[in-house]
Protein backbone atom coordinates (compact mmCIF):
# COMPACT_ATOMS: atom_id res chain seq x y z
CA MET A 1 -15.68 26.02 -8.26
CA ALA A 2 -15.07 21.91 -8.24
CA HIS A 3 -12.61 20.06 -6.10
CA SER A 4 -9.77 18.87 -8.51
CA VAL A 5 -8.04 15.67 -7.73
CA ILE A 6 -4.15 16.11 -7.55
CA THR A 7 -1.53 13.10 -7.79
CA LEU A 8 1.01 13.17 -5.16
CA TYR A 9 3.08 10.02 -6.14
CA HIS A 10 2.78 7.30 -9.09
CA ASP A 11 4.58 4.02 -9.95
CA ARG A 12 3.86 1.10 -11.67
CA THR A 13 1.68 -0.51 -8.58
CA THR A 14 0.59 2.58 -6.68
CA THR A 15 -0.82 6.10 -7.14
CA VAL A 16 -1.74 8.41 -4.46
CA THR A 17 -3.67 11.51 -4.72
CA SER A 18 -5.20 13.84 -2.44
CA ASP A 19 -8.40 11.65 -2.04
CA PHE A 20 -7.54 8.06 -2.71
CA LEU A 21 -5.11 5.22 -3.24
CA LEU A 22 -5.09 3.34 -5.92
CA LEU A 23 -3.29 0.14 -5.88
CA ARG A 24 -2.93 -2.44 -9.17
CA GLY A 25 -2.59 -6.12 -8.61
CA VAL A 26 -5.23 -6.26 -5.55
CA SER A 27 -7.90 -9.05 -6.55
CA LYS A 28 -7.29 -12.47 -6.33
CA ILE A 29 -8.15 -13.45 -9.89
CA LEU A 30 -6.92 -11.38 -12.85
CA GLY A 31 -5.16 -8.73 -10.51
CA ARG A 32 -7.45 -5.85 -11.16
CA ARG A 33 -7.25 -2.43 -9.50
CA GLU A 34 -8.70 -1.37 -6.23
CA ARG A 35 -8.99 2.45 -5.17
CA PHE A 36 -9.44 3.07 -1.55
CA ALA A 37 -10.62 6.53 -0.39
CA LEU A 38 -8.10 8.07 2.43
CA ASP A 39 -10.71 8.34 4.76
CA ASP A 40 -11.35 4.54 4.58
CA ILE A 41 -7.81 3.52 5.76
CA VAL A 42 -7.51 3.34 9.49
CA ALA A 43 -4.01 3.13 9.98
CA PHE A 44 -0.86 2.09 8.06
CA ARG A 45 2.80 0.61 8.89
CA LEU A 46 5.82 0.59 7.29
CA ARG A 47 7.90 -2.48 7.28
CA GLU A 48 11.58 -3.33 6.06
CA ALA A 49 11.98 -6.29 4.48
CA THR A 50 14.65 -7.77 7.14
CA GLU A 51 10.97 -7.68 9.39
CA TYR A 52 9.72 -10.64 7.47
CA PRO A 53 10.48 -14.49 7.51
CA TYR A 54 13.58 -15.12 5.69
CA GLY A 55 14.27 -11.03 5.05
CA ARG A 56 12.11 -10.62 2.09
CA VAL A 57 8.79 -8.93 1.62
CA PRO A 58 5.86 -11.66 0.88
CA GLU A 59 4.97 -12.56 -2.43
CA TRP A 60 1.60 -12.08 -4.01
CA GLY A 61 -0.86 -13.30 -1.40
CA ILE A 62 -1.40 -13.98 2.50
CA SER A 63 1.80 -12.97 4.34
CA ASP A 64 2.63 -14.46 8.02
CA ASP A 65 0.52 -12.00 9.83
CA ASN A 66 -2.52 -12.28 7.60
CA VAL A 67 -1.99 -9.30 5.20
CA TRP A 68 -2.98 -9.67 1.73
CA PHE A 69 0.18 -8.69 -0.75
CA VAL A 70 -0.84 -7.00 -4.10
CA LYS A 71 0.83 -8.57 -7.15
CA ASP A 72 4.07 -6.53 -8.33
CA PRO A 73 6.64 -7.81 -10.54
CA GLN A 74 9.30 -5.70 -9.28
CA ARG A 75 8.96 -6.87 -5.67
CA TRP A 76 12.26 -8.58 -5.43
CA ARG A 77 14.04 -5.23 -5.78
CA ARG A 78 11.67 -3.63 -3.01
CA ARG A 79 13.46 -3.50 0.48
CA SER A 80 10.18 -1.81 2.09
CA ALA A 81 6.62 -2.67 2.20
CA ILE A 82 3.54 -0.63 3.61
CA GLU A 83 0.64 -2.67 5.06
CA LEU A 84 -2.96 -0.69 5.26
CA VAL A 85 -5.80 -1.43 7.67
CA LEU A 86 -9.09 -0.79 6.36
CA GLN A 87 -12.24 0.11 8.07
CA ASP A 88 -14.09 -3.01 6.65
CA GLY A 89 -11.18 -5.27 8.48
CA ARG A 90 -8.90 -6.03 5.46
CA ALA A 91 -5.42 -5.54 5.73
CA ILE A 92 -3.47 -4.90 2.11
CA GLY A 93 0.45 -4.68 1.85
CA PHE A 94 1.95 -3.12 -1.23
CA THR A 95 5.80 -2.52 -2.14
CA PRO A 96 5.93 0.94 -4.07
CA ALA A 97 9.25 1.87 -5.33
CA HIS A 98 9.55 4.64 -3.19
CA ALA A 99 7.95 3.40 0.24
CA ALA A 100 9.27 6.31 2.48
CA ARG A 101 8.04 8.76 0.35
CA VAL A 102 4.36 7.14 0.29
CA ALA A 103 4.35 6.57 4.04
CA GLU A 104 5.04 10.67 4.27
CA ILE A 105 2.50 11.30 1.95
CA LEU A 106 -0.18 9.16 3.79
CA GLU A 107 0.87 10.86 7.20
CA THR A 108 0.44 14.33 5.64
CA ARG A 109 -2.94 13.56 4.33
CA GLY A 110 -4.14 12.34 7.72
CA VAL A 111 -3.77 8.61 7.95
CA LYS A 112 -2.49 7.41 11.19
CA ARG A 113 0.92 5.50 11.45
CA SER A 114 1.11 2.35 13.68
CA SER A 115 4.17 0.23 14.60
């Protein structure tokens, strides 16, 4: 029997399935989508907006600690961000509508949470 992929979470910028995480707006050019296998994610952390300079989640681009944040037109509404560390050394941040729920899903899928 074939393995079927189940969608566990979906919003405008983020889709989490049983096998991968899909982020929209990752690229520096044209904001393309990028798919990350959950096995390729070394760790993640959930950060509140108040932990960033000026109490705001960074805009699209590089943050104060060298994390690339994906493009999100609704970022001004978000109070939490998730930062991923990938096996290839990249750090990518994004702001799902329900960051705590995405963090919970990542933990249950075996992705390590860091502080």
